[in-house]
C-alpha cells in the first residue's frame, strides 16, 4: 500500500478522507501545478500534473474499495484461495500489492480475453521503452537535447496511454490468478514510469552517497535494458539481468543501512519500488513460465 500512502501525502489527506476532501485537495494542486499556470516551466508542470493525476486515480480507487469493503469482507478473505467473486475483481486497485498467490498457475491459466488485452498493452509499453533506450534517455543529461527532447515527450505520452489502458484490464479478469497477474504487471509499469520521469534535480547529491547512488541506477538500468530492449545491447557487452539486479539491490541495501534518512526521500523510494516490482515480475515469470515482455 505504499503507493496509496504516497498519494495521500501528495494531497495532505488522512486515511479516513472523503470524496469532498479529495476533490478539494486535487483542485488546489491543479491551480498550483497545471501547465497553464506555469508558462515558464511547462515541462516541470507536465510531470507534476502526471504525478498528481496518478495519485488522484489511486485515491479514488481506494475510496471505492473502502466503501465496498464491508459487504464483501468474507469474499476478500478468500480472494487468493481460488474463490474470489466477480465484484472483488472489478473493485480491486490494480496498483495494490496483494498477498502472495498460493494457487497452481498451470491449473489456472490466464483468461483468453484478459491475456489478449495484456499483450496489446505490452506491445505499446515495449514500443515506448524502445524509444527510451534507443535514444539513450536513461541518461538524464541527454533528454533535453535536439531530437531527444521530442522523443522523451513521445515516450512519456505513450507510457501515460499504457497506464490508462491498464485500467481497462480490470473488467476482463475472470479468476484470482488473472487478478494476481494484473497486480504484478501493473505495479511494474507504474513504478517504471515513476522512475523515468525523475529529473537530474531530483537526485540527492552528497560526496558519501554519489558513487553508490550512481552505481545503483547504472546496474538497475543495465538489467532493465537487458530485459526490455535486449536487441539494443551488443552481444559482447551483455551482462545477465540477474547479476545486474543483484548489484543494484546490494547498493540499495548499503544506502539504506548507511544513510537511513534516504528512506524518506521520494526519489530513493521510487527506485526501491521499481527494483522491488522488477524483482517480483521476474520471479513470477520463473515460477509460472510466463513471459510478460518479449525480448
C-alpha atoms as a PDB file:
ATOM      1  CA  UNK A   1       0.000   0.000   0.000  1.00  0.00           C
ATOM      2  CA  UNK A   2       2.978   2.326  -0.263  1.00  0.00           C
ATOM      3  CA  UNK A   3       1.552   3.875  -3.442  1.00  0.00           C
ATOM      4  CA  UNK A   4      -1.622   4.849  -1.598  1.00  0.00           C
ATOM      5  CA  UNK A   5       0.347   6.321   1.298  1.00  0.00           C
ATOM      6  CA  UNK A   6       2.422   8.351  -1.122  1.00  0.00           C
ATOM      7  CA  UNK A   7      -0.748   9.572  -2.851  1.00  0.00           C
ATOM      8  CA  UNK A   8      -2.260  10.634   0.465  1.00  0.00           C
ATOM      9  CA  UNK A   9       0.924  12.562   1.231  1.00  0.00           C
ATOM     10  CA  UNK A  10       0.650  14.411  -2.086  1.00  0.00           C
ATOM     11  CA  UNK A  11      -2.858  15.602  -1.192  1.00  0.00           C
ATOM     12  CA  UNK A  12      -2.134  16.000   2.562  1.00  0.00           C
ATOM     13  CA  UNK A  13      -5.041  13.693   3.365  1.00  0.00           C
ATOM     14  CA  UNK A  14      -5.635  11.380   6.311  1.00  0.00           C
ATOM     15  CA  UNK A  15      -6.567   7.715   5.946  1.00  0.00           C
ATOM     16  CA  UNK A  16     -10.273   8.445   6.530  1.00  0.00           C
ATOM     17  CA  UNK A  17     -10.550  11.114   3.827  1.00  0.00           C
ATOM     18  CA  UNK A  18     -13.827  11.752   1.981  1.00  0.00           C
ATOM     19  CA  UNK A  19     -14.616  12.311  -1.701  1.00  0.00           C
ATOM     20  CA  UNK A  20     -15.199  16.013  -0.993  1.00  0.00           C
ATOM     21  CA  UNK A  21     -11.790  16.364   0.685  1.00  0.00           C
ATOM     22  CA  UNK A  22     -10.088  14.564  -2.199  1.00  0.00           C
ATOM     23  CA  UNK A  23     -11.753  16.790  -4.798  1.00  0.00           C
ATOM     24  CA  UNK A  24     -10.858  19.935  -2.856  1.00  0.00           C
ATOM     25  CA  UNK A  25      -7.197  18.892  -2.474  1.00  0.00           C
ATOM     26  CA  UNK A  26      -6.987  17.921  -6.154  1.00  0.00           C
ATOM     27  CA  UNK A  27      -8.360  21.249  -7.378  1.00  0.00           C
ATOM     28  CA  UNK A  28      -5.931  23.100  -5.127  1.00  0.00           C
ATOM     29  CA  UNK A  29      -2.928  21.300  -6.633  1.00  0.00           C
ATOM     30  CA  UNK A  30      -4.220  21.740 -10.184  1.00  0.00           C
ATOM     31  CA  UNK A  31      -4.336  25.501  -9.665  1.00  0.00           C
ATOM     32  CA  UNK A  32      -0.748  25.386  -8.440  1.00  0.00           C
ATOM     33  CA  UNK A  33       0.887  22.957 -10.870  1.00  0.00           C
ATOM     34  CA  UNK A  34      -1.141  22.931 -14.091  1.00  0.00           C
ATOM     35  CA  UNK A  35       0.971  23.943 -17.148  1.00  0.00           C
ATOM     36  CA  UNK A  36      -1.471  26.801 -17.843  1.00  0.00           C
ATOM     37  CA  UNK A  37      -0.340  28.388 -14.577  1.00  0.00           C
ATOM     38  CA  UNK A  38       3.343  27.637 -15.175  1.00  0.00           C
ATOM     39  CA  UNK A  39       4.036  29.032 -18.613  1.00  0.00           C
ATOM     40  CA  UNK A  40       7.745  29.437 -17.883  1.00  0.00           C
ATOM     41  CA  UNK A  41       8.233  25.818 -16.841  1.00  0.00           C
ATOM     42  CA  UNK A  42       5.872  23.684 -18.903  1.00  0.00           C
ATOM     43  CA  UNK A  43       7.957  20.506 -18.757  1.00  0.00           C
ATOM     44  CA  UNK A  44       8.158  20.546 -14.977  1.00  0.00           C
ATOM     45  CA  UNK A  45       4.443  21.338 -14.667  1.00  0.00           C
ATOM     46  CA  UNK A  46       3.531  18.464 -17.009  1.00  0.00           C
ATOM     47  CA  UNK A  47       5.491  15.986 -14.881  1.00  0.00           C
ATOM     48  CA  UNK A  48       3.913  17.313 -11.688  1.00  0.00           C
ATOM     49  CA  UNK A  49       0.410  17.024 -13.118  1.00  0.00           C
ATOM     50  CA  UNK A  50       1.095  13.465 -14.251  1.00  0.00           C
ATOM     51  CA  UNK A  51       2.054  12.529 -10.684  1.00  0.00           C
ATOM     52  CA  UNK A  52      -0.985  14.321  -9.288  1.00  0.00           C
ATOM     53  CA  UNK A  53      -3.364  12.624 -11.733  1.00  0.00           C
ATOM     54  CA  UNK A  54      -1.950   9.172 -10.966  1.00  0.00           C
ATOM     55  CA  UNK A  55      -2.245   9.867  -7.232  1.00  0.00           C
ATOM     56  CA  UNK A  56      -5.826  11.060  -7.714  1.00  0.00           C
ATOM     57  CA  UNK A  57      -6.799   7.852  -9.529  1.00  0.00           C
ATOM     58  CA  UNK A  58      -5.296   5.703  -6.776  1.00  0.00           C
ATOM     59  CA  UNK A  59      -7.085   7.687  -4.064  1.00  0.00           C
ATOM     60  CA  UNK A  60     -10.400   7.391  -5.917  1.00  0.00           C
ATOM     61  CA  UNK A  61      -9.996   3.624  -6.181  1.00  0.00           C
ATOM     62  CA  UNK A  62      -9.006   3.368  -2.524  1.00  0.00           C
ATOM     63  CA  UNK A  63     -12.153   5.310  -1.611  1.00  0.00           C
ATOM     64  CA  UNK A  64     -14.287   2.956  -3.701  1.00  0.00           C
ATOM     65  CA  UNK A  65     -12.634  -0.101  -2.127  1.00  0.00           C
ATOM     66  CA  UNK A  66     -13.250   1.260   1.373  1.00  0.00           C
ATOM     67  CA  UNK A  67     -16.930   1.905   0.665  1.00  0.00           C
ATOM     68  CA  UNK A  68     -17.495  -1.645  -0.615  1.00  0.00           C
ATOM     69  CA  UNK A  69     -15.161  -3.454   1.786  1.00  0.00           C
ATOM     70  CA  UNK A  70     -17.709  -4.346   4.479  1.00  0.00           C
ATOM     71  CA  UNK A  71     -20.265  -6.249   2.331  1.00  0.00           C
ATOM     72  CA  UNK A  72     -17.528  -8.335   0.711  1.00  0.00           C
ATOM     73  CA  UNK A  73     -15.245  -8.909   3.679  1.00  0.00           C
ATOM     74  CA  UNK A  74     -15.754 -12.650   3.576  1.00  0.00           C
ATOM     75  CA  UNK A  75     -15.057 -12.887  -0.164  1.00  0.00           C
ATOM     76  CA  UNK A  76     -11.887 -10.804   0.114  1.00  0.00           C
ATOM     77  CA  UNK A  77     -10.518 -13.247   2.663  1.00  0.00           C
ATOM     78  CA  UNK A  78     -10.901 -15.962   0.014  1.00  0.00           C
ATOM     79  CA  UNK A  79      -9.506 -13.855  -2.831  1.00  0.00           C
ATOM     80  CA  UNK A  80      -6.386 -15.943  -3.340  1.00  0.00           C
ATOM     81  CA  UNK A  81      -7.840 -19.314  -2.441  1.00  0.00           C
ATOM     82  CA  UNK A  82      -9.486 -19.591  -5.856  1.00  0.00           C
ATOM     83  CA  UNK A  83     -12.979 -18.442  -4.748  1.00  0.00           C
ATOM     84  CA  UNK A  84     -12.931 -14.672  -5.296  1.00  0.00           C
ATOM     85  CA  UNK A  85     -16.128 -13.116  -6.583  1.00  0.00           C
ATOM     86  CA  UNK A  86     -16.549 -11.018  -9.711  1.00  0.00           C
ATOM     87  CA  UNK A  87     -17.322  -7.925  -7.617  1.00  0.00           C
ATOM     88  CA  UNK A  88     -13.944  -8.312  -5.864  1.00  0.00           C
ATOM     89  CA  UNK A  89     -12.097  -8.389  -9.146  1.00  0.00           C
ATOM     90  CA  UNK A  90     -13.874  -5.350 -10.562  1.00  0.00           C
ATOM     91  CA  UNK A  91     -13.430  -3.276  -7.392  1.00  0.00           C
ATOM     92  CA  UNK A  92      -9.767  -4.054  -6.798  1.00  0.00           C
ATOM     93  CA  UNK A  93      -6.968  -1.496  -7.102  1.00  0.00           C
ATOM     94  CA  UNK A  94      -4.667  -2.521  -9.995  1.00  0.00           C
ATOM     95  CA  UNK A  95      -1.638  -0.994  -8.262  1.00  0.00           C
ATOM     96  CA  UNK A  96      -2.274  -2.541  -4.846  1.00  0.00           C
ATOM     97  CA  UNK A  97       0.107  -5.186  -3.533  1.00  0.00           C
ATOM     98  CA  UNK A  98      -1.715  -8.473  -2.994  1.00  0.00           C
ATOM     99  CA  UNK A  99      -0.906 -11.403  -0.799  1.00  0.00           C
ATOM    100  CA  UNK A 100       1.399 -13.995  -2.428  1.00  0.00           C
ATOM    101  CA  UNK A 101      -0.558 -16.184  -4.816  1.00  0.00           C
ATOM    102  CA  UNK A 102      -0.893 -19.697  -3.417  1.00  0.00           C
ATOM    103  CA  UNK A 103      -2.602 -21.418  -6.356  1.00  0.00           C
ATOM    104  CA  UNK A 104      -1.164 -23.527  -9.134  1.00  0.00           C
ATOM    105  CA  UNK A 105      -0.674 -21.375 -12.276  1.00  0.00           C
ATOM    106  CA  UNK A 106      -0.596 -24.402 -14.579  1.00  0.00           C
ATOM    107  CA  UNK A 107      -4.009 -25.449 -13.228  1.00  0.00           C
ATOM    108  CA  UNK A 108      -5.447 -21.936 -13.639  1.00  0.00           C
ATOM    109  CA  UNK A 109      -4.137 -20.286 -16.833  1.00  0.00           C
ATOM    110  CA  UNK A 110      -4.856 -16.677 -17.740  1.00  0.00           C
ATOM    111  CA  UNK A 111      -8.273 -15.993 -19.211  1.00  0.00           C
ATOM    112  CA  UNK A 112      -8.059 -15.704 -23.007  1.00  0.00           C
ATOM    113  CA  UNK A 113      -9.584 -12.216 -23.338  1.00  0.00           C
ATOM    114  CA  UNK A 114      -7.565 -10.855 -20.433  1.00  0.00           C
ATOM    115  CA  UNK A 115      -4.369 -12.306 -21.924  1.00  0.00           C
ATOM    116  CA  UNK A 116      -5.071 -10.804 -25.370  1.00  0.00           C
ATOM    117  CA  UNK A 117      -5.622  -7.341 -23.930  1.00  0.00           C
ATOM    118  CA  UNK A 118      -2.473  -7.701 -21.844  1.00  0.00           C
ATOM    119  CA  UNK A 119      -0.500  -8.483 -24.998  1.00  0.00           C
ATOM    120  CA  UNK A 120      -1.798  -5.298 -26.657  1.00  0.00           C
ATOM    121  CA  UNK A 121      -0.768  -3.260 -23.631  1.00  0.00           C
ATOM    122  CA  UNK A 122       2.605  -4.977 -23.623  1.00  0.00           C
ATOM    123  CA  UNK A 123       3.207  -4.088 -27.262  1.00  0.00           C
ATOM    124  CA  UNK A 124       2.537  -0.407 -26.549  1.00  0.00           C
ATOM    125  CA  UNK A 125       4.737  -0.469 -23.445  1.00  0.00           C
ATOM    126  CA  UNK A 126       7.634  -2.109 -25.301  1.00  0.00           C
ATOM    127  CA  UNK A 127       7.371   0.446 -28.105  1.00  0.00           C
ATOM    128  CA  UNK A 128       7.748   3.250 -25.560  1.00  0.00           C
ATOM    129  CA  UNK A 129      10.698   1.589 -23.806  1.00  0.00           C
ATOM    130  CA  UNK A 130      12.382   1.002 -27.175  1.00  0.00           C
ATOM    131  CA  UNK A 131      12.278   4.751 -27.788  1.00  0.00           C
ATOM    132  CA  UNK A 132      13.562   5.429 -24.274  1.00  0.00           C
ATOM    133  CA  UNK A 133      16.618   3.197 -24.552  1.00  0.00           C
ATOM    134  CA  UNK A 134      17.325   3.597 -28.261  1.00  0.00           C
ATOM    135  CA  UNK A 135      17.856   7.337 -27.756  1.00  0.00           C
ATOM    136  CA  UNK A 136      19.781   6.885 -24.505  1.00  0.00           C
ATOM    137  CA  UNK A 137      17.132   8.709 -22.483  1.00  0.00           C
ATOM    138  CA  UNK A 138      18.073   6.857 -19.300  1.00  0.00           C
ATOM    139  CA  UNK A 139      20.941   9.380 -19.309  1.00  0.00           C
ATOM    140  CA  UNK A 140      19.055  12.367 -17.878  1.00  0.00           C
ATOM    141  CA  UNK A 141      21.557  14.872 -19.257  1.00  0.00           C
ATOM    142  CA  UNK A 142      20.585  13.919 -22.830  1.00  0.00           C
ATOM    143  CA  UNK A 143      16.809  14.229 -22.526  1.00  0.00           C
ATOM    144  CA  UNK A 144      16.558  17.867 -23.500  1.00  0.00           C
ATOM    145  CA  UNK A 145      18.942  17.948 -26.470  1.00  0.00           C
ATOM    146  CA  UNK A 146      17.602  18.268 -30.006  1.00  0.00           C
ATOM    147  CA  UNK A 147      15.552  15.301 -31.218  1.00  0.00           C
ATOM    148  CA  UNK A 148      15.919  13.523 -27.873  1.00  0.00           C
ATOM    149  CA  UNK A 149      13.676  16.136 -26.256  1.00  0.00           C
ATOM    150  CA  UNK A 150      10.894  15.261 -28.698  1.00  0.00           C
ATOM    151  CA  UNK A 151      11.463  11.514 -28.244  1.00  0.00           C
ATOM    152  CA  UNK A 152      11.358  11.792 -24.454  1.00  0.00           C
ATOM    153  CA  UNK A 153       7.996  13.553 -24.612  1.00  0.00           C
ATOM    154  CA  UNK A 154       6.732  10.929 -27.050  1.00  0.00           C
ATOM    155  CA  UNK A 155       7.868   8.158 -24.696  1.00  0.00           C
ATOM    156  CA  UNK A 156       6.070   9.760 -21.734  1.00  0.00           C
ATOM    157  CA  UNK A 157       2.846  10.221 -23.722  1.00  0.00           C
ATOM    158  CA  UNK A 158       2.877   6.592 -24.817  1.00  0.00           C
ATOM    159  CA  UNK A 159       3.517   5.354 -21.292  1.00  0.00           C
ATOM    160  CA  UNK A 160       0.703   7.506 -19.929  1.00  0.00           C
ATOM    161  CA  UNK A 161      -1.605   5.898 -22.502  1.00  0.00           C
ATOM    162  CA  UNK A 162      -0.383   2.467 -21.363  1.00  0.00           C
ATOM    163  CA  UNK A 163      -1.198   3.313 -17.734  1.00  0.00           C
ATOM    164  CA  UNK A 164      -4.702   4.343 -18.798  1.00  0.00           C
ATOM    165  CA  UNK A 165      -5.139   1.102 -20.745  1.00  0.00           C
ATOM    166  CA  UNK A 166      -4.104  -0.969 -17.726  1.00  0.00           C
ATOM    167  CA  UNK A 167      -7.306   0.100 -16.018  1.00  0.00           C
ATOM    168  CA  UNK A 168      -9.217  -1.490 -18.906  1.00  0.00           C
ATOM    169  CA  UNK A 169      -7.834  -4.843 -17.799  1.00  0.00           C
ATOM    170  CA  UNK A 170      -9.857  -4.829 -14.573  1.00  0.00           C
ATOM    171  CA  UNK A 171     -13.252  -5.883 -16.016  1.00  0.00           C
ATOM    172  CA  UNK A 172     -11.548  -8.625 -18.035  1.00  0.00           C
ATOM    173  CA  UNK A 173     -10.191 -10.512 -15.017  1.00  0.00           C
ATOM    174  CA  UNK A 174     -12.104 -13.740 -14.530  1.00  0.00           C
ATOM    175  CA  UNK A 175     -10.057 -15.611 -11.927  1.00  0.00           C
ATOM    176  CA  UNK A 176      -7.983 -14.863  -8.849  1.00  0.00           C
ATOM    177  CA  UNK A 177      -4.889 -15.691 -10.900  1.00  0.00           C
ATOM    178  CA  UNK A 178      -5.853 -13.063 -13.520  1.00  0.00           C
ATOM    179  CA  UNK A 179      -6.136 -10.539 -10.713  1.00  0.00           C
ATOM    180  CA  UNK A 180      -2.804 -11.615  -9.239  1.00  0.00           C
ATOM    181  CA  UNK A 181      -1.001 -11.224 -12.572  1.00  0.00           C
ATOM    182  CA  UNK A 182      -2.683  -7.889 -13.255  1.00  0.00           C
ATOM    183  CA  UNK A 183      -1.344  -6.562  -9.938  1.00  0.00           C
ATOM    184  CA  UNK A 184       2.247  -7.617 -10.614  1.00  0.00           C
ATOM    185  CA  UNK A 185       2.102  -6.359 -14.201  1.00  0.00           C
ATOM    186  CA  UNK A 186       0.521  -3.027 -13.254  1.00  0.00           C
ATOM    187  CA  UNK A 187       2.900  -2.300 -10.395  1.00  0.00           C
ATOM    188  CA  UNK A 188       5.952  -2.786 -12.556  1.00  0.00           C
ATOM    189  CA  UNK A 189       4.699  -0.473 -15.320  1.00  0.00           C
ATOM    190  CA  UNK A 190       3.611   2.253 -12.910  1.00  0.00           C
ATOM    191  CA  UNK A 191       6.862   2.092 -10.929  1.00  0.00           C
ATOM    192  CA  UNK A 192       8.851   2.148 -14.164  1.00  0.00           C
ATOM    193  CA  UNK A 193       7.040   5.304 -15.264  1.00  0.00           C
ATOM    194  CA  UNK A 194       7.543   6.980 -11.868  1.00  0.00           C
ATOM    195  CA  UNK A 195      11.265   6.228 -12.182  1.00  0.00           C
ATOM    196  CA  UNK A 196      11.861   7.536 -15.705  1.00  0.00           C
ATOM    197  CA  UNK A 197      10.164  10.901 -15.035  1.00  0.00           C
ATOM    198  CA  UNK A 198      12.741  11.659 -12.351  1.00  0.00           C
ATOM    199  CA  UNK A 199      14.863  14.636 -13.348  1.00  0.00           C
ATOM    200  CA  UNK A 200      18.517  15.231 -12.512  1.00  0.00           C
ATOM    201  CA  UNK A 201      17.476  17.876  -9.998  1.00  0.00           C
ATOM    202  CA  UNK A 202      15.515  15.225  -8.068  1.00  0.00           C
ATOM    203  CA  UNK A 203      18.638  13.180  -7.273  1.00  0.00           C
ATOM    204  CA  UNK A 204      20.143  13.889  -3.831  1.00  0.00           C
ATOM    205  CA  UNK A 205      23.819  14.809  -4.018  1.00  0.00           C
ATOM    206  CA  UNK A 206      26.422  14.220  -1.328  1.00  0.00           C
ATOM    207  CA  UNK A 207      30.048  13.029  -1.664  1.00  0.00           C
ATOM    208  CA  UNK A 208      29.355   9.989   0.532  1.00  0.00           C
ATOM    209  CA  UNK A 209      26.264   8.993  -1.430  1.00  0.00           C
ATOM    210  CA  UNK A 210      27.087   9.830  -5.045  1.00  0.00           C
ATOM    211  CA  UNK A 211      29.182   6.822  -6.048  1.00  0.00           C
ATOM    212  CA  UNK A 212      26.792   4.241  -4.584  1.00  0.00           C
ATOM    213  CA  UNK A 213      23.735   6.043  -5.941  1.00  0.00           C
ATOM    214  CA  UNK A 214      25.195   6.216  -9.447  1.00  0.00           C
ATOM    215  CA  UNK A 215      26.120   2.528  -9.359  1.00  0.00           C
ATOM    216  CA  UNK A 216      22.670   1.609  -8.057  1.00  0.00           C
ATOM    217  CA  UNK A 217      20.994   3.331 -11.023  1.00  0.00           C
ATOM    218  CA  UNK A 218      23.583   2.105 -13.508  1.00  0.00           C
ATOM    219  CA  UNK A 219      23.040  -1.547 -12.586  1.00  0.00           C
ATOM    220  CA  UNK A 220      19.261  -1.136 -12.486  1.00  0.00           C
ATOM    221  CA  UNK A 221      19.231   0.379 -15.975  1.00  0.00           C
ATOM    222  CA  UNK A 222      21.565  -2.331 -17.300  1.00  0.00           C
ATOM    223  CA  UNK A 223      19.225  -5.017 -16.064  1.00  0.00           C
ATOM    224  CA  UNK A 224      16.146  -3.263 -17.444  1.00  0.00           C
ATOM    225  CA  UNK A 225      17.763  -2.797 -20.855  1.00  0.00           C
ATOM    226  CA  UNK A 226      18.656  -6.468 -20.980  1.00  0.00           C
ATOM    227  CA  UNK A 227      15.048  -7.284 -20.090  1.00  0.00           C
ATOM    228  CA  UNK A 228      13.069  -4.739 -22.126  1.00  0.00           C
ATOM    229  CA  UNK A 229      15.394  -3.918 -25.026  1.00  0.00           C
ATOM    230  CA  UNK A 230      17.953  -6.694 -25.267  1.00  0.00           C
ATOM    231  CA  UNK A 231      18.149  -6.214 -29.052  1.00  0.00           C
ATOM    232  CA  UNK A 232      19.834  -2.859 -28.371  1.00  0.00           C
ATOM    233  CA  UNK A 233      22.583  -4.470 -26.303  1.00  0.00           C
ATOM    234  CA  UNK A 234      25.713  -5.548 -28.129  1.00  0.00           C
ATOM    235  CA  UNK A 235      26.402  -9.238 -27.609  1.00  0.00           C
ATOM    236  CA  UNK A 236      29.893  -8.858 -26.142  1.00  0.00           C
ATOM    237  CA  UNK A 237      28.668  -6.196 -23.683  1.00  0.00           C
ATOM    238  CA  UNK A 238      25.738  -8.162 -22.361  1.00  0.00           C
ATOM    239  CA  UNK A 239      25.528  -8.890 -18.671  1.00  0.00           C
ATOM    240  CA  UNK A 240      22.992 -11.227 -17.101  1.00  0.00           C
ATOM    241  CA  UNK A 241      19.984  -9.288 -15.821  1.00  0.00           C
ATOM    242  CA  UNK A 242      20.193 -11.312 -12.583  1.00  0.00           C
ATOM    243  CA  UNK A 243      23.778 -10.179 -11.984  1.00  0.00           C
ATOM    244  CA  UNK A 244      22.992  -6.520 -12.687  1.00  0.00           C
ATOM    245  CA  UNK A 245      19.889  -6.607 -10.500  1.00  0.00           C
ATOM    246  CA  UNK A 246      21.816  -8.274  -7.666  1.00  0.00           C
ATOM    247  CA  UNK A 247      24.408  -5.472  -7.811  1.00  0.00           C
ATOM    248  CA  UNK A 248      21.634  -2.872  -7.781  1.00  0.00           C
ATOM    249  CA  UNK A 249      20.000  -4.438  -4.713  1.00  0.00           C
ATOM    250  CA  UNK A 250      23.373  -4.559  -2.951  1.00  0.00           C
ATOM    251  CA  UNK A 251      23.798  -0.801  -3.400  1.00  0.00           C
ATOM    252  CA  UNK A 252      20.209  -0.187  -2.262  1.00  0.00           C
ATOM    253  CA  UNK A 253      20.860  -2.135   0.935  1.00  0.00           C
ATOM    254  CA  UNK A 254      24.109  -0.272   1.539  1.00  0.00           C
ATOM    255  CA  UNK A 255      22.412   3.129   1.135  1.00  0.00           C
ATOM    256  CA  UNK A 256      19.541   2.091   3.401  1.00  0.00           C
ATOM    257  CA  UNK A 257      21.981   0.982   6.080  1.00  0.00           C
ATOM    258  CA  UNK A 258      24.441   3.873   5.888  1.00  0.00           C
ATOM    259  CA  UNK A 259      22.003   6.715   5.168  1.00  0.00           C
ATOM    260  CA  UNK A 260      18.661   5.975   6.907  1.00  0.00           C
ATOM    261  CA  UNK A 261      17.341   9.441   6.025  1.00  0.00           C
ATOM    262  CA  UNK A 262      17.080   8.307   2.377  1.00  0.00           C
ATOM    263  CA  UNK A 263      14.097   6.152   3.366  1.00  0.00           C
ATOM    264  CA  UNK A 264      12.070   9.384   3.417  1.00  0.00           C
ATOM    265  CA  UNK A 265      13.389  10.662   0.077  1.00  0.00           C
ATOM    266  CA  UNK A 266      10.748  10.349  -2.648  1.00  0.00           C
ATOM    267  CA  UNK A 267      13.405   9.774  -5.323  1.00  0.00           C
ATOM    268  CA  UNK A 268      15.010   6.907  -3.419  1.00  0.00           C
ATOM    269  CA  UNK A 269      11.589   5.407  -2.663  1.00  0.00           C
ATOM    270  CA  UNK A 270      10.770   5.346  -6.390  1.00  0.00           C
ATOM    271  CA  UNK A 271      13.961   3.494  -7.237  1.00  0.00           C
ATOM    272  CA  UNK A 272      13.413   0.976  -4.446  1.00  0.00           C
ATOM    273  CA  UNK A 273       9.820   0.391  -5.593  1.00  0.00           C
ATOM    274  CA  UNK A 274      10.935  -0.218  -9.157  1.00  0.00           C
ATOM    275  CA  UNK A 275      13.639  -2.648  -8.047  1.00  0.00           C
ATOM    276  CA  UNK A 276      11.099  -4.490  -5.886  1.00  0.00           C
ATOM    277  CA  UNK A 277       8.410  -4.704  -8.578  1.00  0.00           C
ATOM    278  CA  UNK A 278      11.021  -5.686 -11.170  1.00  0.00           C
ATOM    279  CA  UNK A 279      12.247  -8.495  -8.899  1.00  0.00           C
ATOM    280  CA  UNK A 280       8.634  -9.537  -8.340  1.00  0.00           C
ATOM    281  CA  UNK A 281       7.760  -9.749 -12.025  1.00  0.00           C
ATOM    282  CA  UNK A 282      10.902 -11.725 -12.894  1.00  0.00           C
ATOM    283  CA  UNK A 283      10.285 -14.173 -10.066  1.00  0.00           C
ATOM    284  CA  UNK A 284       6.701 -14.669 -11.248  1.00  0.00           C
ATOM    285  CA  UNK A 285       7.961 -15.370 -14.765  1.00  0.00           C
ATOM    286  CA  UNK A 286      10.265 -18.082 -13.485  1.00  0.00           C
ATOM    287  CA  UNK A 287       7.593 -19.578 -11.234  1.00  0.00           C
ATOM    288  CA  UNK A 288       4.742 -19.618 -13.758  1.00  0.00           C
ATOM    289  CA  UNK A 289       6.758 -19.909 -17.018  1.00  0.00           C
ATOM    290  CA  UNK A 290       5.100 -16.739 -18.345  1.00  0.00           C
ATOM    291  CA  UNK A 291       6.938 -14.044 -20.294  1.00  0.00           C
ATOM    292  CA  UNK A 292       5.460 -10.611 -19.679  1.00  0.00           C
ATOM    293  CA  UNK A 293       7.624  -8.626 -22.103  1.00  0.00           C
ATOM    294  CA  UNK A 294       9.064 -10.158 -25.254  1.00  0.00           C
ATOM    295  CA  UNK A 295      12.828  -9.632 -25.818  1.00  0.00           C
END
